[in-house]
Amino acid sequence: MTRNVLIAGAGPGVSGSLARLYAAEGGSIGLLGAEEDVLRGLRADIEAAGATARSSVVDLTDDGATRAAVTRMAEHLGHLDVVHFNPSAYREKDPLSLTPDELVEDVRLGVGALLTVVQAARPFMRSGGRITVTGSMAADSPWFGAASLGVQKAGVQNLVRSIDATLKGDGIRAVSVTVRGLLKKEGPFAPDNVARALRKAIDQDEGSWRAEIPYAG
């Protein structure tokens, strides 16, 4: 089954691997990211796999610009089968040095932007649509040295549950995959393997759907 896929926060890691995975299945891929050079490389990979790609540079913390970019992308694709949300902010500050404004700024990207993306994408999704999010063990096992990351990952995991409960009546489901390990170039926590876990999550049986799935490699 080919799918129209929108990836928000597209980059060279897990989200890039996920884009290539869907491309290998013949999907049409829309990419929203912060760096044109990275997006250009991903488009080339997708097109080399024989799939179609479209991209847009956007600051996901800009609500208006993100809504417009999602709408343009979805109109181009026609509809959206899968929406993947990937971004988070890494700020190496502990709770005694992190300011409230910095925390809010980071949560705006790692949690708040999911609301923007989902709300803008919803008119283009139909029954069977899926929303996935890259989660992290930082949600319940945070490192104090990057305190805002744990708050983001706990918040986005919680928000995914609410999104899933809101949309399941329409046949649209949401899931976060909690990566319980540090990303590495090789091994079970290599981006390609994490991407496979995210891809597998959308094939859950709807009768036993889980809005959060741990990935322990």
Protein backbone atom coordinates (compact mmCIF):
# COMPACT_ATOMS: atom_id res chain seq x y z
CA MET A 1 0.00 0.00 0.00
CA THR A 2 1.46 3.36 -1.03
CA ARG A 3 0.89 6.30 1.25
CA ASN A 4 1.01 10.07 1.25
CA VAL A 5 3.29 10.95 4.16
CA LEU A 6 4.04 14.29 5.81
CA ILE A 7 7.11 14.50 8.03
CA ALA A 8 7.42 17.54 10.29
CA GLY A 9 10.89 18.21 11.61
CA ALA A 10 12.61 16.31 8.80
CA GLY A 11 16.33 15.90 9.33
CA PRO A 12 19.24 13.55 8.67
CA GLY A 13 18.49 11.13 11.52
CA VAL A 14 15.42 9.06 12.34
CA SER A 15 13.06 11.22 10.31
CA GLY A 16 15.30 10.94 7.26
CA SER A 17 15.41 7.17 7.62
CA LEU A 18 11.63 7.11 7.95
CA ALA A 19 11.24 9.19 4.78
CA ARG A 20 13.44 6.76 2.85
CA LEU A 21 11.52 3.79 4.27
CA TYR A 22 8.17 5.13 3.06
CA ALA A 23 9.78 6.10 -0.25
CA ALA A 24 10.90 2.50 -0.75
CA GLU A 25 7.23 1.55 -0.52
CA GLY A 26 6.42 4.02 -3.27
CA GLY A 27 4.91 6.69 -1.06
CA SER A 28 4.67 10.39 -1.84
CA ILE A 29 6.59 12.29 0.81
CA GLY A 30 6.19 15.85 2.06
CA LEU A 31 9.04 17.21 4.18
CA LEU A 32 8.97 20.16 6.55
CA GLY A 33 12.32 21.09 8.05
CA ALA A 34 14.63 23.86 9.13
CA GLU A 35 17.57 23.36 6.75
CA GLU A 36 17.30 23.55 2.96
CA ASP A 37 20.52 21.56 2.39
CA VAL A 38 19.21 18.66 4.48
CA LEU A 39 15.84 18.72 2.75
CA ARG A 40 17.52 18.78 -0.66
CA GLY A 41 19.50 15.66 0.23
CA LEU A 42 16.41 13.85 1.48
CA ARG A 43 14.48 14.75 -1.67
CA ALA A 44 17.30 13.29 -3.76
CA ASP A 45 17.22 10.05 -1.74
CA ILE A 46 13.45 9.78 -2.08
CA GLU A 47 13.48 10.43 -5.80
CA ALA A 48 16.32 7.93 -6.26
CA ALA A 49 14.00 5.34 -4.72
CA GLY A 50 11.45 6.12 -7.42
CA ALA A 51 9.08 8.04 -5.16
CA THR A 52 7.98 11.67 -5.27
CA ALA A 53 9.05 14.31 -2.77
CA ARG A 54 8.22 17.89 -1.94
CA SER A 55 9.78 19.99 0.80
CA SER A 56 9.46 23.33 2.54
CA VAL A 57 11.70 25.18 4.97
CA VAL A 58 9.66 26.30 7.96
CA ASP A 59 10.12 27.28 11.59
CA LEU A 60 7.73 24.89 13.33
CA THR A 61 7.37 27.27 16.27
CA ASP A 62 5.76 29.80 13.91
CA ASP A 63 2.11 28.74 14.09
CA GLY A 64 0.90 30.66 11.04
CA ALA A 65 3.80 29.69 8.79
CA THR A 66 3.56 26.03 9.82
CA ARG A 67 -0.19 25.86 9.20
CA ALA A 68 0.31 27.39 5.76
CA ALA A 69 3.14 24.97 4.93
CA VAL A 70 1.13 21.92 6.04
CA THR A 71 -1.87 23.07 4.01
CA ARG A 72 0.20 23.66 0.87
CA MET A 73 1.86 20.28 1.22
CA ALA A 74 -1.40 18.44 1.82
CA GLU A 75 -3.12 20.18 -1.09
CA HIS A 76 -0.26 19.12 -3.34
CA LEU A 77 -0.44 15.51 -2.15
CA GLY A 78 -4.24 15.44 -2.23
CA HIS A 79 -4.68 13.84 1.19
CA LEU A 80 -2.52 12.61 4.08
CA ASP A 81 -2.28 8.99 5.18
CA VAL A 82 0.52 9.42 7.72
CA VAL A 83 1.74 12.47 9.63
CA HIS A 84 5.00 12.06 11.52
CA PHE A 85 6.20 14.57 14.12
CA ASN A 86 9.89 14.45 14.96
CA PRO A 87 11.34 17.68 16.43
CA SER A 88 12.59 18.45 19.90
CA ALA A 89 14.92 21.07 21.34
CA TYR A 90 18.13 20.03 23.08
CA ARG A 91 19.39 22.61 25.53
CA GLU A 92 22.14 21.55 27.93
CA LYS A 93 20.92 23.27 31.07
CA ASP A 94 19.97 21.81 34.43
CA PRO A 95 16.99 22.98 36.51
CA LEU A 96 19.12 25.57 38.32
CA SER A 97 20.27 27.27 35.13
CA LEU A 98 17.28 26.73 32.83
CA THR A 99 15.02 29.78 32.78
CA PRO A 100 11.22 29.61 32.55
CA ASP A 101 11.36 31.42 29.20
CA GLU A 102 13.85 28.89 27.84
CA LEU A 103 11.67 26.02 29.02
CA VAL A 104 8.61 27.51 27.33
CA GLU A 105 10.60 28.10 24.14
CA ASP A 106 11.71 24.46 24.02
CA VAL A 107 8.26 23.09 24.81
CA ARG A 108 6.86 25.28 22.05
CA LEU A 109 8.86 23.24 19.55
CA GLY A 110 8.83 19.79 21.10
CA VAL A 111 5.17 19.74 22.16
CA GLY A 112 3.22 22.79 21.02
CA ALA A 113 4.16 22.44 17.36
CA LEU A 114 2.45 19.03 17.32
CA LEU A 115 -0.86 20.80 17.90
CA THR A 116 -0.21 23.12 14.96
CA VAL A 117 0.73 20.26 12.63
CA VAL A 118 -2.18 18.00 13.61
CA GLN A 119 -4.78 20.77 13.47
CA ALA A 120 -3.60 21.85 10.02
CA ALA A 121 -3.36 18.28 8.73
CA ARG A 122 -6.70 17.04 10.07
CA PRO A 123 -8.89 18.32 7.16
CA PHE A 124 -6.74 16.25 4.79
CA MET A 125 -6.87 13.00 6.78
CA ARG A 126 -9.50 10.30 6.50
CA SER A 127 -10.38 7.06 8.27
CA GLY A 128 -7.29 4.88 8.44
CA GLY A 129 -4.98 7.89 8.82
CA ARG A 130 -2.13 7.64 11.30
CA ILE A 131 -0.11 10.12 13.37
CA THR A 132 3.27 9.04 14.73
CA VAL A 133 5.72 10.78 17.04
CA THR A 134 9.35 10.09 17.88
CA GLY A 135 9.37 9.61 21.64
CA SER A 136 12.20 9.15 24.10
CA MET A 137 13.01 7.48 27.40
CA ALA A 138 13.69 11.03 28.61
CA ALA A 139 9.92 11.19 29.19
CA ASP A 140 10.24 9.14 32.37
CA SER A 141 14.02 8.84 32.82
CA PRO A 142 15.23 12.39 32.19
CA TRP A 143 18.84 13.54 32.37
CA PHE A 144 19.01 16.52 34.68
CA GLY A 145 21.65 18.18 32.49
CA ALA A 146 19.12 18.76 29.70
CA ALA A 147 16.04 19.25 31.82
CA SER A 148 13.81 20.72 29.13
CA LEU A 149 14.13 17.63 26.93
CA GLY A 150 12.49 15.40 29.52
CA VAL A 151 9.64 17.88 29.89
CA GLN A 152 9.16 17.94 26.11
CA LYS A 153 9.14 14.17 25.75
CA ALA A 154 6.80 13.65 28.70
CA GLY A 155 4.51 16.35 27.35
CA VAL A 156 4.41 15.06 23.78
CA GLN A 157 3.77 11.49 24.97
CA ASN A 158 0.82 12.76 27.03
CA LEU A 159 -0.49 14.90 24.17
CA VAL A 160 -0.39 11.95 21.76
CA ARG A 161 -2.75 10.06 24.08
CA SER A 162 -5.20 12.95 23.97
CA ILE A 163 -4.93 13.25 20.19
CA ASP A 164 -5.56 9.53 19.80
CA ALA A 165 -8.61 9.64 22.06
CA THR A 166 -9.97 12.65 20.17
CA LEU A 167 -9.58 11.18 16.68
CA LYS A 168 -10.20 7.46 17.14
CA GLY A 169 -13.92 7.91 16.54
CA ASP A 170 -13.03 9.09 13.05
CA GLY A 171 -10.79 6.09 12.44
CA ILE A 172 -7.57 8.10 12.82
CA ARG A 173 -5.08 6.88 15.40
CA ALA A 174 -1.99 8.40 17.02
CA VAL A 175 1.03 6.71 18.59
CA SER A 176 4.35 7.71 20.07
CA VAL A 177 7.27 5.29 19.92
CA THR A 178 9.43 5.66 23.03
CA VAL A 179 13.07 5.04 22.11
CA ARG A 180 14.62 3.45 25.19
CA GLY A 181 18.24 3.93 24.29
CA LEU A 182 20.68 6.43 22.84
CA LEU A 183 20.71 6.87 19.08
CA LYS A 184 23.88 5.52 17.49
CA LYS A 185 25.23 5.16 13.97
CA GLU A 186 25.00 1.36 14.15
CA GLY A 187 23.17 -1.31 16.11
CA PRO A 188 19.59 -1.52 17.37
CA PHE A 189 19.38 2.21 18.00
CA ALA A 190 20.64 3.25 14.59
CA PRO A 191 18.18 5.63 12.85
CA ASP A 192 17.15 3.01 10.28
CA ASN A 193 16.09 0.58 13.01
CA VAL A 194 14.18 3.20 14.99
CA ALA A 195 12.45 4.22 11.75
CA ARG A 196 11.35 0.62 11.23
CA ALA A 197 9.77 0.66 14.70
CA LEU A 198 7.89 3.84 13.83
CA ARG A 199 6.76 2.36 10.53
CA LYS A 200 5.60 -0.84 12.26
CA ALA A 201 3.59 1.14 14.82
CA ILE A 202 1.01 2.23 12.24
CA ASP A 203 0.18 -1.39 11.42
CA GLN A 204 -1.16 -2.13 14.90
CA ASP A 205 -4.53 -3.82 15.11
CA GLU A 206 -7.02 -1.06 15.88
CA GLY A 207 -8.86 -3.25 18.37
CA SER A 208 -5.79 -3.43 20.60
CA TRP A 209 -4.28 -0.06 19.70
CA ARG A 210 -1.62 1.38 22.00
CA ALA A 211 -0.94 5.11 21.94
CA GLU A 212 2.56 4.58 23.30
CA ILE A 213 4.92 1.79 22.26
CA PRO A 214 8.36 1.29 23.81
CA TYR A 215 11.25 0.47 21.51
CA ALA A 216 14.10 -1.19 23.38
CA GLY A 217 16.03 -2.37 20.36
